[in-house]
Amino acid sequence: MKEFLSNENIKFLYLDITENMLNLKNFLKYRDTAPEFDEIKKAGRVGLPCIVINNGEEIVFDKDLLNLEELRIK
């Protein structure tokens, strides 16, 4: 996912949830409260990778569903 976003000239912050507890805690906050994760949790999946846009305004699991024009660095 990192390579895809970089190749598309999209500015992003990459967080590895295994790097520290704060990253894991932030991910779990989204996973436990965002409705986008409901079906994923029902299926027993984790929900990674995912792209969180604008502090949770949108959460995308499939890069093909991204509106790349809106996200590109201008």
PDB file of N, CA and C in Angstrom:
ATOM      1  N   MET A   1       0.823  -1.186   0.000  1.00  0.00           N
ATOM      2  CA  MET A   1       0.000   0.000   0.000  1.00  0.00           C
ATOM      3  C   MET A   1       0.871   1.254   0.000  1.00  0.00           C
ATOM      4  N   LYS A   2       1.969   1.239   0.779  1.00  0.00           N
ATOM      5  CA  LYS A   2       2.866   2.397   0.817  1.00  0.00           C
ATOM      6  C   LYS A   2       3.398   2.711  -0.579  1.00  0.00           C
ATOM      7  N   GLU A   3       3.828   1.675  -1.272  1.00  0.00           N
ATOM      8  CA  GLU A   3       4.394   1.865  -2.611  1.00  0.00           C
ATOM      9  C   GLU A   3       3.337   2.415  -3.566  1.00  0.00           C
ATOM     10  N   PHE A   4       2.129   1.897  -3.489  1.00  0.00           N
ATOM     11  CA  PHE A   4       1.043   2.365  -4.345  1.00  0.00           C
ATOM     12  C   PHE A   4       0.789   3.856  -4.122  1.00  0.00           C
ATOM     13  N   LEU A   5       0.642   4.271  -2.871  1.00  0.00           N
ATOM     14  CA  LEU A   5       0.370   5.674  -2.565  1.00  0.00           C
ATOM     15  C   LEU A   5       1.528   6.574  -3.010  1.00  0.00           C
ATOM     16  N   SER A   6       2.740   6.125  -2.790  1.00  0.00           N
ATOM     17  CA  SER A   6       3.905   6.905  -3.224  1.00  0.00           C
ATOM     18  C   SER A   6       3.934   7.051  -4.738  1.00  0.00           C
ATOM     19  N   ASN A   7       3.699   5.960  -5.430  1.00  0.00           N
ATOM     20  CA  ASN A   7       3.703   5.989  -6.901  1.00  0.00           C
ATOM     21  C   ASN A   7       2.613   6.882  -7.460  1.00  0.00           C
ATOM     22  N   GLU A   8       1.530   7.042  -6.715  1.00  0.00           N
ATOM     23  CA  GLU A   8       0.420   7.901  -7.158  1.00  0.00           C
ATOM     24  C   GLU A   8       0.579   9.344  -6.677  1.00  0.00           C
ATOM     25  N   ASN A   9       1.730   9.646  -6.063  1.00  0.00           N
ATOM     26  CA  ASN A   9       2.038  10.998  -5.586  1.00  0.00           C
ATOM     27  C   ASN A   9       1.007  11.486  -4.564  1.00  0.00           C
ATOM     28  N   ILE A  10       0.695  10.607  -3.624  1.00  0.00           N
ATOM     29  CA  ILE A  10      -0.264  10.923  -2.573  1.00  0.00           C
ATOM     30  C   ILE A  10       0.491  11.066  -1.256  1.00  0.00           C
ATOM     31  N   LYS A  11       0.291  12.184  -0.601  1.00  0.00           N
ATOM     32  CA  LYS A  11       0.924  12.436   0.690  1.00  0.00           C
ATOM     33  C   LYS A  11       0.213  11.586   1.742  1.00  0.00           C
ATOM     34  N   PHE A  12       0.995  10.883   2.565  1.00  0.00           N
ATOM     35  CA  PHE A  12       0.393  10.039   3.583  1.00  0.00           C
ATOM     36  C   PHE A  12       1.342   9.849   4.744  1.00  0.00           C
ATOM     37  N   LEU A  13       0.787   9.457   5.850  1.00  0.00           N
ATOM     38  CA  LEU A  13       1.554   9.089   7.034  1.00  0.00           C
ATOM     39  C   LEU A  13       1.347   7.597   7.231  1.00  0.00           C
ATOM     40  N   TYR A  14       2.426   6.852   7.204  1.00  0.00           N
ATOM     41  CA  TYR A  14       2.350   5.404   7.373  1.00  0.00           C
ATOM     42  C   TYR A  14       2.578   5.073   8.839  1.00  0.00           C
ATOM     43  N   LEU A  15       1.670   4.324   9.416  1.00  0.00           N
ATOM     44  CA  LEU A  15       1.827   3.880  10.793  1.00  0.00           C
ATOM     45  C   LEU A  15       1.820   2.362  10.849  1.00  0.00           C
ATOM     46  N   ASP A  16       2.823   1.806  11.490  1.00  0.00           N
ATOM     47  CA  ASP A  16       2.939   0.365  11.691  1.00  0.00           C
ATOM     48  C   ASP A  16       2.413   0.069  13.093  1.00  0.00           C
ATOM     49  N   ILE A  17       1.323  -0.676  13.189  1.00  0.00           N
ATOM     50  CA  ILE A  17       0.712  -0.922  14.498  1.00  0.00           C
ATOM     51  C   ILE A  17       1.580  -1.795  15.396  1.00  0.00           C
ATOM     52  N   THR A  18       2.595  -2.450  14.831  1.00  0.00           N
ATOM     53  CA  THR A  18       3.486  -3.272  15.655  1.00  0.00           C
ATOM     54  C   THR A  18       4.682  -2.475  16.167  1.00  0.00           C
ATOM     55  N   GLU A  19       4.802  -1.227  15.736  1.00  0.00           N
ATOM     56  CA  GLU A  19       5.952  -0.398  16.131  1.00  0.00           C
ATOM     57  C   GLU A  19       5.881   0.042  17.587  1.00  0.00           C
ATOM     58  N   ASN A  20       4.676   0.419  18.039  1.00  0.00           N
ATOM     59  CA  ASN A  20       4.533   0.847  19.430  1.00  0.00           C
ATOM     60  C   ASN A  20       3.066   0.760  19.843  1.00  0.00           C
ATOM     61  N   MET A  21       2.848   0.885  21.120  1.00  0.00           N
ATOM     62  CA  MET A  21       1.483   0.755  21.657  1.00  0.00           C
ATOM     63  C   MET A  21       0.571   1.899  21.218  1.00  0.00           C
ATOM     64  N   LEU A  22       1.115   3.096  21.046  1.00  0.00           N
ATOM     65  CA  LEU A  22       0.296   4.224  20.624  1.00  0.00           C
ATOM     66  C   LEU A  22      -0.310   3.974  19.244  1.00  0.00           C
ATOM     67  N   ASN A  23       0.493   3.465  18.310  1.00  0.00           N
ATOM     68  CA  ASN A  23      -0.036   3.158  16.978  1.00  0.00           C
ATOM     69  C   ASN A  23      -1.121   2.093  17.045  1.00  0.00           C
ATOM     70  N   LEU A  24      -0.903   1.061  17.829  1.00  0.00           N
ATOM     71  CA  LEU A  24      -1.904   0.003  17.994  1.00  0.00           C
ATOM     72  C   LEU A  24      -3.173   0.569  18.625  1.00  0.00           C
ATOM     73  N   LYS A  25      -3.021   1.380  19.648  1.00  0.00           N
ATOM     74  CA  LYS A  25      -4.167   1.968  20.336  1.00  0.00           C
ATOM     75  C   LYS A  25      -4.988   2.845  19.380  1.00  0.00           C
ATOM     76  N   ASN A  26      -4.308   3.645  18.565  1.00  0.00           N
ATOM     77  CA  ASN A  26      -5.010   4.500  17.608  1.00  0.00           C
ATOM     78  C   ASN A  26      -5.775   3.674  16.574  1.00  0.00           C
ATOM     79  N   PHE A  27      -5.162   2.596  16.091  1.00  0.00           N
ATOM     80  CA  PHE A  27      -5.862   1.731  15.146  1.00  0.00           C
ATOM     81  C   PHE A  27      -7.086   1.101  15.796  1.00  0.00           C
ATOM     82  N   LEU A  28      -6.917   0.585  17.008  1.00  0.00           N
ATOM     83  CA  LEU A  28      -8.037  -0.079  17.683  1.00  0.00           C
ATOM     84  C   LEU A  28      -9.179   0.885  17.956  1.00  0.00           C
ATOM     85  N   LYS A  29      -8.875   2.138  18.181  1.00  0.00           N
ATOM     86  CA  LYS A  29      -9.927   3.148  18.374  1.00  0.00           C
ATOM     87  C   LYS A  29     -10.810   3.218  17.129  1.00  0.00           C
ATOM     88  N   TYR A  30     -10.185   3.275  15.964  1.00  0.00           N
ATOM     89  CA  TYR A  30     -10.963   3.288  14.717  1.00  0.00           C
ATOM     90  C   TYR A  30     -11.707   1.968  14.545  1.00  0.00           C
ATOM     91  N   ARG A  31     -11.003   0.863  14.741  1.00  0.00           N
ATOM     92  CA  ARG A  31     -11.599  -0.451  14.511  1.00  0.00           C
ATOM     93  C   ARG A  31     -12.797  -0.702  15.423  1.00  0.00           C
ATOM     94  N   ASP A  32     -12.719  -0.239  16.642  1.00  0.00           N
ATOM     95  CA  ASP A  32     -13.782  -0.501  17.612  1.00  0.00           C
ATOM     96  C   ASP A  32     -14.974   0.445  17.477  1.00  0.00           C
ATOM     97  N   THR A  33     -14.795   1.585  16.813  1.00  0.00           N
ATOM     98  CA  THR A  33     -15.874   2.570  16.769  1.00  0.00           C
ATOM     99  C   THR A  33     -16.392   2.906  15.372  1.00  0.00           C
ATOM    100  N   ALA A  34     -15.597   2.714  14.348  1.00  0.00           N
ATOM    101  CA  ALA A  34     -16.012   3.104  12.999  1.00  0.00           C
ATOM    102  C   ALA A  34     -16.897   2.032  12.363  1.00  0.00           C
ATOM    103  N   PRO A  35     -18.049   2.423  11.829  1.00  0.00           N
ATOM    104  CA  PRO A  35     -18.958   1.443  11.222  1.00  0.00           C
ATOM    105  C   PRO A  35     -18.370   0.742   9.999  1.00  0.00           C
ATOM    106  N   GLU A  36     -17.372   1.334   9.383  1.00  0.00           N
ATOM    107  CA  GLU A  36     -16.730   0.698   8.219  1.00  0.00           C
ATOM    108  C   GLU A  36     -16.122  -0.651   8.580  1.00  0.00           C
ATOM    109  N   PHE A  37     -15.814  -0.859   9.835  1.00  0.00           N
ATOM    110  CA  PHE A  37     -15.200  -2.114  10.279  1.00  0.00           C
ATOM    111  C   PHE A  37     -16.218  -3.176  10.679  1.00  0.00           C
ATOM    112  N   ASP A  38     -17.504  -2.856  10.716  1.00  0.00           N
ATOM    113  CA  ASP A  38     -18.505  -3.808  11.207  1.00  0.00           C
ATOM    114  C   ASP A  38     -18.478  -5.137  10.460  1.00  0.00           C
ATOM    115  N   GLU A  39     -18.530  -5.095   9.151  1.00  0.00           N
ATOM    116  CA  GLU A  39     -18.539  -6.343   8.368  1.00  0.00           C
ATOM    117  C   GLU A  39     -17.221  -7.097   8.506  1.00  0.00           C
ATOM    118  N   ILE A  40     -16.143  -6.371   8.593  1.00  0.00           N
ATOM    119  CA  ILE A  40     -14.826  -6.994   8.751  1.00  0.00           C
ATOM    120  C   ILE A  40     -14.763  -7.743  10.079  1.00  0.00           C
ATOM    121  N   LYS A  41     -15.246  -7.108  11.140  1.00  0.00           N
ATOM    122  CA  LYS A  41     -15.231  -7.768  12.451  1.00  0.00           C
ATOM    123  C   LYS A  41     -16.157  -8.981  12.458  1.00  0.00           C
ATOM    124  N   LYS A  42     -17.311  -8.879  11.819  1.00  0.00           N
ATOM    125  CA  LYS A  42     -18.234 -10.020  11.752  1.00  0.00           C
ATOM    126  C   LYS A  42     -17.594 -11.207  11.059  1.00  0.00           C
ATOM    127  N   ALA A  43     -16.730 -10.914  10.076  1.00  0.00           N
ATOM    128  CA  ALA A  43     -16.052 -11.976   9.328  1.00  0.00           C
ATOM    129  C   ALA A  43     -14.822 -12.497  10.073  1.00  0.00           C
ATOM    130  N   GLY A  44     -14.522 -11.917  11.244  1.00  0.00           N
ATOM    131  CA  GLY A  44     -13.383 -12.369  12.032  1.00  0.00           C
ATOM    132  C   GLY A  44     -12.049 -11.884  11.506  1.00  0.00           C
ATOM    133  N   ARG A  45     -12.084 -10.833  10.694  1.00  0.00           N
ATOM    134  CA  ARG A  45     -10.843 -10.281  10.135  1.00  0.00           C
ATOM    135  C   ARG A  45     -10.403  -9.076  10.953  1.00  0.00           C
ATOM    136  N   VAL A  46      -9.165  -8.643  10.741  1.00  0.00           N
ATOM    137  CA  VAL A  46      -8.589  -7.541  11.502  1.00  0.00           C
ATOM    138  C   VAL A  46      -8.951  -6.181  10.898  1.00  0.00           C
ATOM    139  N   GLY A  47      -8.874  -6.077   9.581  1.00  0.00           N
ATOM    140  CA  GLY A  47      -9.165  -4.803   8.929  1.00  0.00           C
ATOM    141  C   GLY A  47      -7.929  -4.073   8.454  1.00  0.00           C
ATOM    142  N   LEU A  48      -6.866  -4.819   8.241  1.00  0.00           N
ATOM    143  CA  LEU A  48      -5.625  -4.246   7.732  1.00  0.00           C
ATOM    144  C   LEU A  48      -5.262  -4.897   6.411  1.00  0.00           C
ATOM    145  N   PRO A  49      -4.689  -4.184   5.495  1.00  0.00           N
ATOM    146  CA  PRO A  49      -4.395  -2.757   5.572  1.00  0.00           C
ATOM    147  C   PRO A  49      -5.661  -1.927   5.371  1.00  0.00           C
ATOM    148  N   CYS A  50      -5.598  -0.715   5.841  1.00  0.00           N
ATOM    149  CA  CYS A  50      -6.670   0.235   5.602  1.00  0.00           C
ATOM    150  C   CYS A  50      -6.068   1.625   5.468  1.00  0.00           C
ATOM    151  N   ILE A  51      -6.811   2.494   4.841  1.00  0.00           N
ATOM    152  CA  ILE A  51      -6.389   3.878   4.672  1.00  0.00           C
ATOM    153  C   ILE A  51      -7.407   4.742   5.397  1.00  0.00           C
ATOM    154  N   VAL A  52      -6.933   5.493   6.372  1.00  0.00           N
ATOM    155  CA  VAL A  52      -7.784   6.402   7.134  1.00  0.00           C
ATOM    156  C   VAL A  52      -7.543   7.803   6.579  1.00  0.00           C
ATOM    157  N   ILE A  53      -8.587   8.425   6.077  1.00  0.00           N
ATOM    158  CA  ILE A  53      -8.470   9.729   5.436  1.00  0.00           C
ATOM    159  C   ILE A  53      -9.032  10.798   6.363  1.00  0.00           C
ATOM    160  N   ASN A  54      -8.240  11.856   6.522  1.00  0.00           N
ATOM    161  CA  ASN A  54      -8.656  13.016   7.330  1.00  0.00           C
ATOM    162  C   ASN A  54      -9.157  12.616   8.716  1.00  0.00           C
ATOM    163  N   ASN A  55      -8.316  11.938   9.456  1.00  0.00           N
ATOM    164  CA  ASN A  55      -8.631  11.561  10.843  1.00  0.00           C
ATOM    165  C   ASN A  55      -9.936  10.793  10.997  1.00  0.00           C
ATOM    166  N   GLY A  56     -10.208   9.904  10.060  1.00  0.00           N
ATOM    167  CA  GLY A  56     -11.380   9.045  10.177  1.00  0.00           C
ATOM    168  C   GLY A  56     -12.592   9.493   9.400  1.00  0.00           C
ATOM    169  N   GLU A  57     -12.469  10.582   8.662  1.00  0.00           N
ATOM    170  CA  GLU A  57     -13.587  11.057   7.832  1.00  0.00           C
ATOM    171  C   GLU A  57     -14.021   9.967   6.848  1.00  0.00           C
ATOM    172  N   GLU A  58     -13.046   9.216   6.394  1.00  0.00           N
ATOM    173  CA  GLU A  58     -13.316   8.097   5.483  1.00  0.00           C
ATOM    174  C   GLU A  58     -12.289   7.014   5.767  1.00  0.00           C
ATOM    175  N   ILE A  59     -12.707   5.755   5.709  1.00  0.00           N
ATOM    176  CA  ILE A  59     -11.807   4.627   5.874  1.00  0.00           C
ATOM    177  C   ILE A  59     -12.004   3.712   4.677  1.00  0.00           C
ATOM    178  N   VAL A  60     -10.901   3.410   4.003  1.00  0.00           N
ATOM    179  CA  VAL A  60     -10.948   2.645   2.755  1.00  0.00           C
ATOM    180  C   VAL A  60     -10.094   1.393   2.915  1.00  0.00           C
ATOM    181  N   PHE A  61     -10.616   0.266   2.460  1.00  0.00           N
ATOM    182  CA  PHE A  61      -9.900  -0.999   2.549  1.00  0.00           C
ATOM    183  C   PHE A  61      -9.390  -1.470   1.194  1.00  0.00           C
ATOM    184  N   ASP A  62      -9.920  -0.914   0.122  1.00  0.00           N
ATOM    185  CA  ASP A  62      -9.551  -1.323  -1.223  1.00  0.00           C
ATOM    186  C   ASP A  62      -9.017  -0.102  -1.969  1.00  0.00           C
ATOM    187  N   LYS A  63      -7.752  -0.150  -2.343  1.00  0.00           N
ATOM    188  CA  LYS A  63      -7.141   1.006  -3.001  1.00  0.00           C
ATOM    189  C   LYS A  63      -7.859   1.386  -4.291  1.00  0.00           C
ATOM    190  N   ASP A  64      -8.549   0.451  -4.906  1.00  0.00           N
ATOM    191  CA  ASP A  64      -9.282   0.747  -6.141  1.00  0.00           C
ATOM    192  C   ASP A  64     -10.495   1.645  -5.895  1.00  0.00           C
ATOM    193  N   LEU A  65     -10.897   1.795  -4.640  1.00  0.00           N
ATOM    194  CA  LEU A  65     -12.034   2.650  -4.300  1.00  0.00           C
ATOM    195  C   LEU A  65     -11.622   4.073  -3.927  1.00  0.00           C
ATOM    196  N   LEU A  66     -10.315   4.347  -3.949  1.00  0.00           N
ATOM    197  CA  LEU A  66      -9.824   5.677  -3.616  1.00  0.00           C
ATOM    198  C   LEU A  66     -10.090   6.663  -4.750  1.00  0.00           C
ATOM    199  N   ASN A  67     -10.436   7.881  -4.394  1.00  0.00           N
ATOM    200  CA  ASN A  67     -10.526   8.957  -5.370  1.00  0.00           C
ATOM    201  C   ASN A  67      -9.141   9.601  -5.416  1.00  0.00           C
ATOM    202  N   LEU A  68      -8.286   9.113  -6.305  1.00  0.00           N
ATOM    203  CA  LEU A  68      -6.897   9.539  -6.342  1.00  0.00           C
ATOM    204  C   LEU A  68      -6.745  11.017  -6.659  1.00  0.00           C
ATOM    205  N   GLU A  69      -7.593  11.557  -7.491  1.00  0.00           N
ATOM    206  CA  GLU A  69      -7.480  12.978  -7.842  1.00  0.00           C
ATOM    207  C   GLU A  69      -7.646  13.874  -6.613  1.00  0.00           C
ATOM    208  N   GLU A  70      -8.524  13.515  -5.712  1.00  0.00           N
ATOM    209  CA  GLU A  70      -8.731  14.309  -4.497  1.00  0.00           C
ATOM    210  C   GLU A  70      -7.570  14.203  -3.535  1.00  0.00           C
ATOM    211  N   LEU A  71      -6.832  13.102  -3.598  1.00  0.00           N
ATOM    212  CA  LEU A  71      -5.776  12.848  -2.639  1.00  0.00           C
ATOM    213  C   LEU A  71      -4.386  13.246  -3.114  1.00  0.00           C
ATOM    214  N   ARG A  72      -4.218  13.479  -4.402  1.00  0.00           N
ATOM    215  CA  ARG A  72      -2.891  13.793  -4.946  1.00  0.00           C
ATOM    216  C   ARG A  72      -2.349  15.101  -4.410  1.00  0.00           C
ATOM    217  N   ILE A  73      -1.015  15.135  -4.254  1.00  0.00           N
ATOM    218  CA  ILE A  73      -0.319  16.347  -3.845  1.00  0.00           C
ATOM    219  C   ILE A  73      -0.415  17.357  -4.969  1.00  0.00           C
ATOM    220  N   LYS A  74      -0.852  18.522  -4.628  1.00  0.00           N
ATOM    221  CA  LYS A  74      -1.021  19.559  -5.654  1.00  0.00           C
ATOM    222  C   LYS A  74       0.181  20.461  -5.683  1.00  0.00           C
TER     223      LYS A  74
END
